[in-house]
Amino acid sequence: MSLNGHYTATFGPRVQRRAGADLGPSHARASETLIHAGLGGGAAVAARSGILPRPLLWSSRMRGRAAGGLAELWRSDRVVRLAPAGAVACSALLPLVQVGLAFSYVGNGVGTGLWSIAATVVYLPLHLRHVWYAAHARRPSAGGWSLAAMAAVVLGATPLAGNMWPRAYTALVVSFLLVLPAPWSYLGYVAVVFAAAPVAHALGLSWAAAPWLTFSVLAGSAALLLLVWLAAALTRLQAAREALAQRAVMQERRRIDDDLRHGLGSALESIAARGDRAARKVAKGEKAAAAQELTGLAEESRRTLAEARQRVRGYRRPSLRAELETAASLLTAAGIRTRLDLPRGIPETIAPQPRSALRATVTRLLRAEAARACTITATVLDGQVLLEVRADDATETIEVRA
């Protein structure tokens, strides 16, 4: 796996685990299991890194297939693409169910049911538009106007659509929170939620059922907001992964450009100057001096070619400095204050074994909830480089041969 690919895959667990922690311990464990089961490209890498999902209650063969399939789906971009559509589908389901039950409520008839259908057909597209934009972590354009039109339809249909129509206030308060800025969104949410029960009672609903209706609006709005928030979090996470990968690529490109300019650039300028001198000597008829210049030019060209080949071979091996800088950027983006202390004289490249050890250490730090600060120090000693990764009270040393 490439440097960018590994850290792009690694960046997810800490952020998704934080999102899962807000949803509850069971969701956090499920989220962590899905992500970590596929980290590094399969169960073998997960086992070597000490990242294993909790044992399931069926056979190992079925467990491996299920965990691998779910982990691959979670890591794929399809989840990010499908999450907004799932939030929109769930947001449309509740009003449609409300319309289907409008004919069966006590005190309601065909007329109230038809009014409920008509009002839902008008306001639901506006509500789903708000949800679609919010699930993509954006505010809808002209959202204030569409929210005003939606509120006019929902509130205007209240006297006509029956005593259970205030359940439709669920979509209205969700749109309040998605479109309006704070504190107006919170004020609108509280006002509409607590007005639902008195309005329903004024339309003929008994006071015994009023608390249930208020709870229905609260629970329905919380569930829809949770789905929208999760879809928006996945969208932001994908954007953060792409930005981190692009930044790592740009850093590597700048490093290679500086290396070529300071290394091969001067050699090529010397070759060009020597060629000009040889041309002038040939033009003057100084054959011996011209031959000497051309011989030196050929030797210098061979040395430059050998140096260029050596640099190309070095580029194919991962850069130690780039690996450490990417690890520090990743930890910082995950909320861990990271300081990188690199002296002069560290090797340009890093072997696969210490690179794997460094990545495993970074992965463990991303999984640790208690990690708040980290210091990565490189020490050159007797031709070797010792990487010391200190996070809070824990310290790990990685040996890198120079």
Protein backbone atom coordinates (compact mmCIF):
# COMPACT_ATOMS: atom_id res chain seq x y z
CA MET A 1 0.00 0.00 0.00
CA SER A 2 1.29 3.46 -0.86
CA LEU A 3 2.06 6.13 1.73
CA ASN A 4 -1.00 8.17 0.86
CA GLY A 5 -3.22 5.11 0.64
CA HIS A 6 -2.19 3.83 4.05
CA TYR A 7 -2.68 7.09 5.91
CA THR A 8 -5.86 7.83 4.02
CA ALA A 9 -7.20 4.48 5.25
CA THR A 10 -5.84 5.13 8.74
CA PHE A 11 -7.31 8.59 9.11
CA GLY A 12 -10.84 7.24 9.24
CA PRO A 13 -10.90 5.14 12.41
CA ARG A 14 -10.32 7.89 14.95
CA VAL A 15 -12.75 10.31 13.37
CA GLN A 16 -15.43 7.66 12.80
CA ARG A 17 -14.93 6.29 16.27
CA ARG A 18 -15.54 9.79 17.68
CA ALA A 19 -18.73 10.04 15.64
CA GLY A 20 -19.81 6.62 16.89
CA ALA A 21 -19.10 7.61 20.48
CA ASP A 22 -21.64 10.39 20.18
CA LEU A 23 -24.23 7.89 18.96
CA GLY A 24 -23.77 5.45 21.83
CA PRO A 25 -21.40 2.66 22.94
CA SER A 26 -23.01 -0.04 20.81
CA HIS A 27 -22.75 2.06 17.63
CA ALA A 28 -19.18 3.02 18.51
CA ARG A 29 -18.19 -0.65 18.85
CA ALA A 30 -19.89 -1.52 15.57
CA SER A 31 -18.24 1.40 13.75
CA GLU A 32 -14.82 0.58 15.15
CA THR A 33 -15.22 -3.08 14.19
CA LEU A 34 -16.23 -2.29 10.62
CA ILE A 35 -13.31 0.07 10.04
CA HIS A 36 -10.54 -1.77 11.81
CA ALA A 37 -11.40 -5.19 10.39
CA GLY A 38 -10.31 -3.98 6.94
CA LEU A 39 -7.42 -1.66 7.93
CA GLY A 40 -4.29 -2.31 5.92
CA GLY A 41 -5.96 -4.49 3.27
CA GLY A 42 -7.18 -7.63 5.06
CA ALA A 43 -7.42 -9.72 8.17
CA ALA A 44 -3.75 -10.68 8.12
CA VAL A 45 -2.58 -7.09 8.37
CA ALA A 46 -5.21 -6.40 10.99
CA ALA A 47 -3.92 -9.31 13.07
CA ARG A 48 -0.32 -8.15 12.84
CA SER A 49 -1.32 -4.67 13.93
CA GLY A 50 -3.27 -6.00 16.90
CA ILE A 51 -6.54 -4.65 15.49
CA LEU A 52 -9.16 -7.40 15.56
CA PRO A 53 -12.94 -7.11 15.65
CA ARG A 54 -14.90 -8.61 18.52
CA PRO A 55 -15.69 -12.31 18.03
CA LEU A 56 -19.09 -12.99 16.51
CA LEU A 57 -21.49 -15.75 17.42
CA TRP A 58 -21.25 -17.81 14.23
CA SER A 59 -18.65 -19.90 12.43
CA SER A 60 -15.23 -18.52 11.59
CA ARG A 61 -15.85 -18.90 7.87
CA MET A 62 -19.07 -16.93 7.97
CA ARG A 63 -17.47 -14.45 10.36
CA GLY A 64 -14.58 -13.81 7.97
CA ARG A 65 -16.88 -13.31 4.99
CA ALA A 66 -19.25 -11.02 6.86
CA ALA A 67 -16.52 -8.90 8.46
CA GLY A 68 -14.55 -8.66 5.21
CA GLY A 69 -17.60 -7.67 3.17
CA LEU A 70 -18.84 -5.09 5.66
CA ALA A 71 -15.35 -3.63 6.12
CA GLU A 72 -14.84 -3.37 2.37
CA LEU A 73 -18.22 -1.65 2.01
CA TRP A 74 -17.42 0.76 4.87
CA ARG A 75 -14.05 1.69 3.37
CA SER A 76 -15.44 2.12 -0.13
CA ASP A 77 -16.60 5.41 -1.54
CA ARG A 78 -20.03 3.92 -2.15
CA VAL A 79 -20.94 4.52 1.48
CA VAL A 80 -20.23 8.23 1.12
CA ARG A 81 -22.22 8.41 -2.11
CA LEU A 82 -25.17 6.43 -0.75
CA ALA A 83 -25.36 8.09 2.68
CA PRO A 84 -27.15 11.28 1.47
CA ALA A 85 -29.59 9.18 -0.56
CA GLY A 86 -30.29 7.03 2.51
CA ALA A 87 -30.94 10.12 4.62
CA VAL A 88 -33.36 11.45 2.01
CA ALA A 89 -35.16 8.09 1.74
CA CYS A 90 -35.62 7.86 5.51
CA SER A 91 -36.78 11.48 5.66
CA ALA A 92 -39.45 10.70 3.04
CA LEU A 93 -40.59 7.50 4.74
CA LEU A 94 -42.05 9.08 7.89
CA PRO A 95 -44.34 11.61 6.11
CA LEU A 96 -45.51 8.92 3.72
CA VAL A 97 -46.43 6.65 6.62
CA GLN A 98 -48.21 9.59 8.23
CA VAL A 99 -50.25 10.09 5.06
CA GLY A 100 -51.11 6.39 4.91
CA LEU A 101 -52.44 6.45 8.47
CA ALA A 102 -54.31 9.72 8.08
CA PHE A 103 -57.54 7.92 7.08
CA SER A 104 -57.51 5.57 10.10
CA TYR A 105 -57.16 8.00 13.01
CA VAL A 106 -60.17 8.52 15.28
CA GLY A 107 -62.02 11.68 14.35
CA ASN A 108 -60.50 11.87 10.86
CA GLY A 109 -62.26 11.11 7.61
CA VAL A 110 -61.78 11.06 3.89
CA GLY A 111 -61.66 14.84 3.71
CA THR A 112 -58.89 15.23 6.27
CA GLY A 113 -57.00 12.39 4.61
CA LEU A 114 -57.17 14.07 1.21
CA TRP A 115 -56.01 17.37 2.68
CA SER A 116 -53.12 15.51 4.34
CA ILE A 117 -52.09 13.97 1.01
CA ALA A 118 -52.28 17.30 -0.81
CA ALA A 119 -50.24 19.16 1.80
CA THR A 120 -47.61 16.39 1.93
CA VAL A 121 -47.21 16.40 -1.85
CA VAL A 122 -46.47 20.13 -1.70
CA TYR A 123 -44.16 20.40 1.31
CA LEU A 124 -42.26 17.09 1.10
CA PRO A 125 -40.06 18.03 -1.94
CA LEU A 126 -39.00 21.20 -0.14
CA HIS A 127 -38.13 19.24 2.99
CA LEU A 128 -36.18 16.61 1.04
CA ARG A 129 -34.22 19.38 -0.69
CA HIS A 130 -33.12 20.68 2.71
CA VAL A 131 -32.10 17.19 3.77
CA TRP A 132 -30.17 16.54 0.55
CA TYR A 133 -28.07 19.68 0.91
CA ALA A 134 -27.46 19.13 4.62
CA ALA A 135 -26.39 15.51 4.02
CA HIS A 136 -23.73 16.90 1.65
CA ALA A 137 -22.57 19.30 4.42
CA ARG A 138 -23.92 22.35 2.59
CA ARG A 139 -26.69 24.86 3.18
CA PRO A 140 -29.31 25.03 0.40
CA SER A 141 -29.39 28.05 -1.84
CA ALA A 142 -32.45 30.21 -1.18
CA GLY A 143 -33.09 27.98 1.82
CA GLY A 144 -34.93 30.70 3.70
CA TRP A 145 -37.54 31.04 0.95
CA SER A 146 -38.07 27.30 0.61
CA LEU A 147 -38.35 26.99 4.40
CA ALA A 148 -40.92 29.78 4.51
CA ALA A 149 -42.97 28.09 1.79
CA MET A 150 -42.77 24.76 3.61
CA ALA A 151 -43.83 26.33 6.92
CA ALA A 152 -46.77 28.05 5.20
CA VAL A 153 -47.98 24.74 3.74
CA VAL A 154 -47.53 22.70 6.92
CA LEU A 155 -49.08 25.29 9.25
CA GLY A 156 -51.76 26.27 6.77
CA ALA A 157 -52.97 22.68 6.43
CA THR A 158 -53.25 22.23 10.20
CA PRO A 159 -56.99 23.13 10.51
CA LEU A 160 -57.86 20.95 7.50
CA ALA A 161 -55.74 17.79 7.76
CA GLY A 162 -57.05 16.35 11.04
CA ASN A 163 -56.03 16.23 14.69
CA MET A 164 -52.93 14.05 13.99
CA TRP A 165 -51.53 16.41 11.37
CA PRO A 166 -49.19 18.08 13.94
CA ARG A 167 -47.04 14.96 13.60
CA ALA A 168 -45.98 16.51 10.29
CA TYR A 169 -44.29 19.18 12.37
CA THR A 170 -41.43 16.68 12.61
CA ALA A 171 -40.26 17.54 9.10
CA LEU A 172 -40.75 21.25 9.77
CA VAL A 173 -38.56 21.34 12.89
CA VAL A 174 -35.89 19.27 11.14
CA SER A 175 -35.81 21.81 8.31
CA PHE A 176 -35.59 24.59 10.88
CA LEU A 177 -32.36 23.12 12.26
CA LEU A 178 -30.93 22.36 8.81
CA VAL A 179 -31.60 25.73 7.19
CA LEU A 180 -31.72 28.44 9.85
CA PRO A 181 -28.63 29.61 11.74
CA ALA A 182 -28.45 29.47 15.52
CA PRO A 183 -30.12 30.64 17.71
CA TRP A 184 -33.16 31.08 15.43
CA SER A 185 -33.18 27.41 14.51
CA TYR A 186 -33.27 26.36 18.17
CA LEU A 187 -36.02 28.83 19.01
CA GLY A 188 -38.14 27.63 16.09
CA TYR A 189 -37.55 24.00 17.03
CA VAL A 190 -38.64 24.45 20.65
CA ALA A 191 -41.66 26.61 19.76
CA VAL A 192 -43.04 24.20 17.16
CA VAL A 193 -42.40 21.04 19.21
CA PHE A 194 -44.20 22.34 22.28
CA ALA A 195 -47.01 23.80 20.19
CA ALA A 196 -47.81 20.42 18.59
CA ALA A 197 -49.77 18.99 21.54
CA PRO A 198 -51.97 22.09 22.22
CA VAL A 199 -52.74 22.42 18.51
CA ALA A 200 -53.72 18.74 18.27
CA HIS A 201 -55.91 19.09 21.35
CA ALA A 202 -57.62 22.11 19.84
CA LEU A 203 -58.38 19.94 16.79
CA GLY A 204 -60.05 17.28 18.91
CA LEU A 205 -57.22 15.09 20.24
CA SER A 206 -57.58 14.08 23.89
CA TRP A 207 -55.09 15.33 26.46
CA ALA A 208 -54.17 11.71 27.21
CA ALA A 209 -52.69 11.34 23.71
CA ALA A 210 -51.05 14.77 23.63
CA PRO A 211 -47.82 13.74 25.44
CA TRP A 212 -47.42 10.85 23.02
CA LEU A 213 -47.72 13.20 20.06
CA THR A 214 -45.06 15.51 21.51
CA PHE A 215 -42.77 12.55 22.10
CA SER A 216 -43.43 11.38 18.53
CA VAL A 217 -42.29 14.73 17.13
CA LEU A 218 -39.21 14.78 19.36
CA ALA A 219 -38.17 11.19 18.61
CA GLY A 220 -38.86 11.47 14.88
CA SER A 221 -36.91 14.69 14.51
CA ALA A 222 -33.99 13.33 16.54
CA ALA A 223 -33.82 10.20 14.38
CA LEU A 224 -33.89 12.17 11.12
CA LEU A 225 -31.32 14.67 12.35
CA LEU A 226 -29.06 11.83 13.41
CA LEU A 227 -29.18 10.30 9.92
CA VAL A 228 -28.48 13.63 8.27
CA TRP A 229 -25.62 14.36 10.67
CA LEU A 230 -24.05 10.97 9.98
CA ALA A 231 -24.24 11.47 6.21
CA ALA A 232 -22.69 14.94 6.53
CA ALA A 233 -19.94 13.55 8.78
CA LEU A 234 -19.10 10.92 6.16
CA THR A 235 -18.96 13.62 3.48
CA ARG A 236 -16.63 15.78 5.58
CA LEU A 237 -14.47 12.77 6.36
CA GLN A 238 -14.10 11.92 2.69
CA ALA A 239 -13.14 15.51 1.93
CA ALA A 240 -10.57 15.48 4.75
CA ARG A 241 -9.06 12.24 3.44
CA GLU A 242 -8.74 13.64 -0.06
CA ALA A 243 -7.23 16.89 1.21
CA LEU A 244 -4.70 15.01 3.33
CA ALA A 245 -3.71 12.78 0.43
CA GLN A 246 -3.34 15.76 -1.90
CA ARG A 247 -1.21 17.61 0.66
CA ALA A 248 1.08 14.60 1.04
CA VAL A 249 1.45 14.35 -2.75
CA MET A 250 2.27 18.06 -3.03
CA GLN A 251 4.86 17.82 -0.25
CA GLU A 252 6.53 14.91 -2.02
CA ARG A 253 6.52 16.76 -5.33
CA ARG A 254 8.12 19.83 -3.75
CA ARG A 255 10.76 17.65 -2.09
CA ILE A 256 11.66 15.97 -5.39
CA ASP A 257 11.72 19.31 -7.20
CA ASP A 258 14.08 20.86 -4.63
CA ASP A 259 16.29 17.79 -4.68
CA LEU A 260 16.60 17.84 -8.46
CA ARG A 261 17.21 21.58 -8.60
CA HIS A 262 19.95 21.59 -5.96
CA GLY A 263 21.50 18.27 -7.00
CA LEU A 264 21.28 17.71 -10.76
CA GLY A 265 20.65 21.36 -11.62
CA SER A 266 24.21 22.52 -10.87
CA ALA A 267 25.67 19.49 -12.66
CA LEU A 268 23.66 20.20 -15.80
CA GLU A 269 24.70 23.87 -15.72
CA SER A 270 28.34 22.78 -15.49
CA ILE A 271 27.89 20.45 -18.47
CA ALA A 272 26.31 23.23 -20.53
CA ALA A 273 29.13 25.66 -19.65
CA ARG A 274 31.76 23.08 -20.54
CA GLY A 275 30.08 22.43 -23.86
CA ASP A 276 30.17 26.17 -24.68
CA ARG A 277 33.86 26.33 -23.86
CA ALA A 278 34.55 23.32 -26.06
CA ALA A 279 32.63 24.92 -28.94
CA ARG A 280 34.64 28.15 -28.63
CA LYS A 281 37.94 26.25 -28.66
CA VAL A 282 36.89 24.32 -31.77
CA ALA A 283 35.95 27.56 -33.47
CA LYS A 284 39.39 29.00 -32.64
CA GLY A 285 41.15 25.91 -33.98
CA GLU A 286 42.53 24.82 -30.59
CA LYS A 287 42.13 21.14 -31.25
CA ALA A 288 44.07 19.83 -28.23
CA ALA A 289 42.27 22.07 -25.76
CA ALA A 290 38.93 21.27 -27.42
CA ALA A 291 39.62 17.54 -27.17
CA GLN A 292 40.45 17.92 -23.48
CA GLU A 293 37.23 19.83 -22.85
CA LEU A 294 35.19 17.24 -24.73
CA THR A 295 36.79 14.43 -22.73
CA GLY A 296 35.99 16.18 -19.47
CA LEU A 297 32.48 16.86 -20.76
CA ALA A 298 31.93 13.17 -21.47
CA GLU A 299 33.20 12.14 -18.03
CA GLU A 300 31.06 14.71 -16.26
CA SER A 301 28.03 13.64 -18.28
CA ARG A 302 28.57 10.02 -17.22
CA ARG A 303 28.84 11.03 -13.56
CA THR A 304 25.69 13.11 -13.83
CA LEU A 305 23.85 10.24 -15.49
CA ALA A 306 24.94 7.83 -12.74
CA GLU A 307 23.83 10.32 -10.09
CA ALA A 308 20.46 10.75 -11.82
CA ARG A 309 19.94 6.99 -11.89
CA GLN A 310 20.84 6.76 -8.22
CA ARG A 311 18.36 9.49 -7.35
CA VAL A 312 15.61 7.78 -9.33
CA ARG A 313 16.25 4.56 -7.44
CA GLY A 314 16.04 6.53 -4.20
CA TYR A 315 12.69 8.05 -5.22
CA ARG A 316 11.26 4.57 -5.61
CA ARG A 317 11.96 3.96 -1.93
CA PRO A 318 9.83 5.84 0.61
CA SER A 319 11.27 9.00 2.13
CA LEU A 320 11.85 8.94 5.89
CA ARG A 321 11.22 12.65 6.29
CA ALA A 322 8.05 12.53 4.18
CA GLU A 323 6.80 9.51 6.14
CA LEU A 324 7.35 11.30 9.46
CA GLU A 325 5.79 14.56 8.26
CA THR A 326 2.73 12.72 6.96
CA ALA A 327 2.39 10.83 10.26
CA ALA A 328 2.60 14.11 12.18
CA SER A 329 0.00 15.76 9.92
CA LEU A 330 -2.30 12.79 10.35
CA LEU A 331 -2.06 12.79 14.14
CA THR A 332 -2.61 16.55 14.26
CA ALA A 333 -5.68 16.26 12.04
CA ALA A 334 -7.04 13.59 14.41
CA GLY A 335 -6.81 15.99 17.36
CA ILE A 336 -3.44 14.87 18.81
CA ARG A 337 -0.96 17.72 19.31
CA THR A 338 2.15 16.44 17.54
CA ARG A 339 5.69 17.84 17.53
CA LEU A 340 8.32 16.58 15.09
CA ASP A 341 12.00 16.90 16.09
CA LEU A 342 14.31 15.94 13.19
CA PRO A 343 18.07 16.69 13.34
CA ARG A 344 20.40 16.99 10.37
CA GLY A 345 21.94 13.87 8.95
CA ILE A 346 18.96 11.54 8.99
CA PRO A 347 18.81 9.07 6.06
CA GLU A 348 16.80 9.93 3.00
CA THR A 349 14.86 6.67 2.84
CA ILE A 350 13.30 4.20 5.23
CA ALA A 351 13.24 0.41 4.93
CA PRO A 352 9.92 -1.49 4.81
CA GLN A 353 10.29 -3.00 8.31
CA PRO A 354 10.73 0.25 10.31
CA ARG A 355 8.15 1.92 8.08
CA SER A 356 5.61 -0.78 9.01
CA ALA A 357 6.51 -0.35 12.70
CA LEU A 358 6.01 3.42 12.45
CA ARG A 359 2.64 3.01 10.75
CA ALA A 360 1.53 0.47 13.35
CA THR A 361 2.47 2.91 16.11
CA VAL A 362 0.52 5.73 14.44
CA THR A 363 -2.47 3.41 14.05
CA ARG A 364 -2.41 2.55 17.76
CA LEU A 365 -2.29 6.24 18.64
CA LEU A 366 -5.28 6.95 16.44
CA ARG A 367 -7.22 4.22 18.22
CA ALA A 368 -6.29 5.45 21.69
CA GLU A 369 -8.94 7.77 23.10
CA ALA A 370 -6.61 9.02 25.85
CA ALA A 371 -3.86 10.20 23.47
CA ARG A 372 -3.72 14.00 23.51
CA ALA A 373 -0.07 14.88 22.75
CA CYS A 374 2.71 13.15 20.83
CA THR A 375 6.38 13.89 20.17
CA ILE A 376 8.35 12.15 17.40
CA THR A 377 12.11 12.52 17.90
CA ALA A 378 14.88 11.23 15.61
CA THR A 379 18.36 10.62 17.09
CA VAL A 380 21.44 9.73 15.00
CA LEU A 381 23.74 7.36 16.92
CA ASP A 382 26.63 5.24 15.51
CA GLY A 383 25.30 5.20 11.96
CA GLN A 384 21.78 4.40 13.06
CA VAL A 385 18.68 6.50 13.54
CA LEU A 386 16.41 5.89 16.49
CA LEU A 387 12.85 7.13 16.19
CA GLU A 388 11.28 7.78 19.57
CA VAL A 389 7.51 8.15 19.56
CA ARG A 390 6.33 9.50 22.92
CA ALA A 391 2.58 9.83 23.50
CA ASP A 392 1.66 11.05 26.98
CA ASP A 393 3.34 8.52 29.31
CA ALA A 394 4.05 5.79 26.71
CA THR A 395 7.24 5.67 24.64
CA GLU A 396 8.15 3.45 21.69
CA THR A 397 11.54 3.30 19.93
CA ILE A 398 11.98 2.31 16.27
CA GLU A 399 15.45 1.62 14.81
CA VAL A 400 16.18 2.87 11.28
CA ARG A 401 19.48 1.96 9.64
CA ALA A 402 21.23 4.87 7.97
